[in-house]
Amino acid sequence: MRPSIKLISILTDNLTEMLTFYKDVLGFTTEDESGGYIELIHDGVRIALCSKELMYELTKHEAFLEERKGKSFELAFWVATKTEVDSTYKELIDKGATAILAPHDMPWGQRTAMFADPDGNCHEVYAD
């Protein structure tokens, strides 16, 4: 068996603000919404925002009630040119993303910039 990833779930205590961010700042569209669970899609990538409370209710697993001690994932958004890294980063920050790292060139040739969502998860916009 070789499973394939079709959905990435982001657990949060901040569902409303996270939904606003992923729709209004990053341009995801809502695919499905029910209670503490929302599926979003962006260029063929599906993510779900799920309240940690709902996951606990469904599983009764105490880990879903624990506070996170670090950031667990990063979404990397590719753009076609290095110039687009700069303009996209500015647009994201202007729309409300938290600035983490301004656009700069990496030693391996990519141009990258980092920003955060309302829960503090760091994400990246980059070009080769």
Protein backbone atom coordinates (compact mmCIF):
# COMPACT_ATOMS: atom_id res chain seq x y z
CA MET A 1 0.00 0.00 0.00
CA ARG A 2 1.26 3.47 -0.88
CA PRO A 3 -0.99 6.17 0.57
CA SER A 4 -1.10 9.59 -1.08
CA ILE A 5 -1.68 12.95 0.57
CA LYS A 6 -4.92 14.60 -0.56
CA LEU A 7 -5.62 16.94 2.36
CA ILE A 8 -3.59 18.83 4.96
CA SER A 9 -5.43 19.67 8.20
CA ILE A 10 -4.51 22.60 10.38
CA LEU A 11 -5.69 22.28 13.97
CA THR A 12 -6.53 25.57 15.65
CA ASP A 13 -8.26 27.21 18.59
CA ASN A 14 -8.82 30.25 16.38
CA LEU A 15 -11.10 29.00 13.58
CA THR A 16 -12.76 32.29 12.61
CA GLU A 17 -9.57 34.34 12.31
CA MET A 18 -7.73 31.51 10.53
CA LEU A 19 -10.60 31.15 8.01
CA THR A 20 -10.54 34.88 7.31
CA PHE A 21 -6.76 34.76 6.80
CA TYR A 22 -6.72 31.75 4.46
CA LYS A 23 -9.60 33.14 2.37
CA ASP A 24 -8.91 36.89 2.34
CA VAL A 25 -5.11 36.94 2.50
CA LEU A 26 -4.09 33.73 0.72
CA GLY A 27 -7.03 33.37 -1.67
CA PHE A 28 -8.34 29.93 -0.68
CA THR A 29 -12.00 29.21 -1.41
CA THR A 30 -14.37 27.29 0.86
CA GLU A 31 -15.26 23.80 -0.34
CA ASP A 32 -17.10 22.44 2.71
CA GLU A 33 -18.04 23.86 6.08
CA SER A 34 -19.63 22.11 9.03
CA GLY A 35 -19.30 23.29 12.59
CA GLY A 36 -15.67 23.29 13.65
CA TYR A 37 -14.42 21.90 10.32
CA ILE A 38 -13.82 23.83 7.09
CA GLU A 39 -12.25 22.55 3.88
CA LEU A 40 -10.52 25.04 1.60
CA ILE A 41 -8.90 24.74 -1.83
CA HIS A 42 -6.23 26.76 -3.64
CA ASP A 43 -4.78 25.76 -7.02
CA GLY A 44 -5.67 22.11 -6.45
CA VAL A 45 -4.30 21.95 -2.89
CA ARG A 46 -6.88 21.12 -0.22
CA ILE A 47 -6.48 22.08 3.40
CA ALA A 48 -8.87 21.81 6.31
CA LEU A 49 -9.16 24.10 9.29
CA CYS A 50 -10.36 22.07 12.24
CA SER A 51 -10.94 23.17 15.80
CA LYS A 52 -8.87 21.28 18.34
CA GLU A 53 -12.05 21.02 20.43
CA LEU A 54 -13.85 19.16 17.62
CA MET A 55 -10.92 16.75 17.20
CA TYR A 56 -11.03 16.06 20.93
CA GLU A 57 -14.81 15.49 20.82
CA LEU A 58 -14.39 13.02 17.95
CA THR A 59 -11.40 11.12 19.34
CA LYS A 60 -11.36 11.75 23.10
CA HIS A 61 -7.57 11.95 22.71
CA GLU A 62 -6.13 14.35 25.32
CA ALA A 63 -3.33 15.49 22.99
CA PHE A 64 -5.81 17.65 21.09
CA LEU A 65 -6.35 19.72 24.24
CA GLU A 66 -2.65 20.36 24.85
CA GLU A 67 -1.09 23.69 23.95
CA ARG A 68 1.39 23.48 21.07
CA LYS A 69 4.98 24.26 21.94
CA GLY A 70 6.24 24.99 18.43
CA LYS A 71 5.22 25.40 14.85
CA SER A 72 4.66 22.11 13.08
CA PHE A 73 4.36 22.88 9.38
CA GLU A 74 5.03 25.38 6.61
CA LEU A 75 3.14 25.99 3.38
CA ALA A 76 5.42 27.11 0.53
CA PHE A 77 3.79 29.19 -2.21
CA TRP A 78 5.68 29.20 -5.52
CA VAL A 79 5.65 32.20 -7.85
CA ALA A 80 7.17 32.33 -11.35
CA THR A 81 9.80 35.05 -10.88
CA LYS A 82 12.00 36.48 -8.18
CA THR A 83 10.36 39.88 -8.73
CA GLU A 84 7.01 38.28 -7.90
CA VAL A 85 8.39 37.15 -4.53
CA ASP A 86 8.80 40.81 -3.57
CA SER A 87 5.41 41.97 -4.87
CA THR A 88 3.52 38.95 -3.49
CA TYR A 89 5.16 39.32 -0.08
CA LYS A 90 4.21 43.02 0.04
CA GLU A 91 0.64 42.18 -0.97
CA LEU A 92 0.35 39.48 1.72
CA ILE A 93 1.69 41.79 4.44
CA ASP A 94 -0.61 44.61 3.27
CA LYS A 95 -3.58 42.20 3.55
CA GLY A 96 -2.70 41.25 7.13
CA ALA A 97 -0.09 38.50 7.14
CA THR A 98 2.58 38.86 9.82
CA ALA A 99 6.01 39.68 8.42
CA ILE A 100 8.68 37.15 9.41
CA LEU A 101 11.50 37.51 6.86
CA ALA A 102 11.65 40.08 4.05
CA PRO A 103 12.47 38.87 0.52
CA HIS A 104 16.08 37.82 0.07
CA ASP A 105 18.21 35.52 -2.06
CA MET A 106 19.18 32.15 -0.62
CA PRO A 107 22.64 30.57 -1.16
CA TRP A 108 21.07 27.86 -3.37
CA GLY A 109 19.62 30.44 -5.79
CA GLN A 110 16.00 30.77 -4.71
CA ARG A 111 14.46 34.05 -3.62
CA THR A 112 12.26 33.63 -0.59
CA ALA A 113 10.24 35.55 1.98
CA MET A 114 8.41 34.32 5.06
CA PHE A 115 5.16 35.35 6.74
CA ALA A 116 2.87 33.95 9.42
CA ASP A 117 -0.83 33.18 9.78
CA PRO A 118 -2.87 34.23 12.86
CA ASP A 119 -1.76 31.12 14.80
CA GLY A 120 1.90 31.96 14.13
CA ASN A 121 2.55 29.20 11.58
CA CYS A 122 5.33 30.40 9.25
CA HIS A 123 4.77 30.15 5.51
CA GLU A 124 6.92 31.02 2.53
CA VAL A 125 6.62 32.59 -0.89
CA TYR A 126 9.51 31.67 -3.20
CA ALA A 127 10.81 31.53 -6.75
CA ASP A 128 13.56 29.42 -8.29
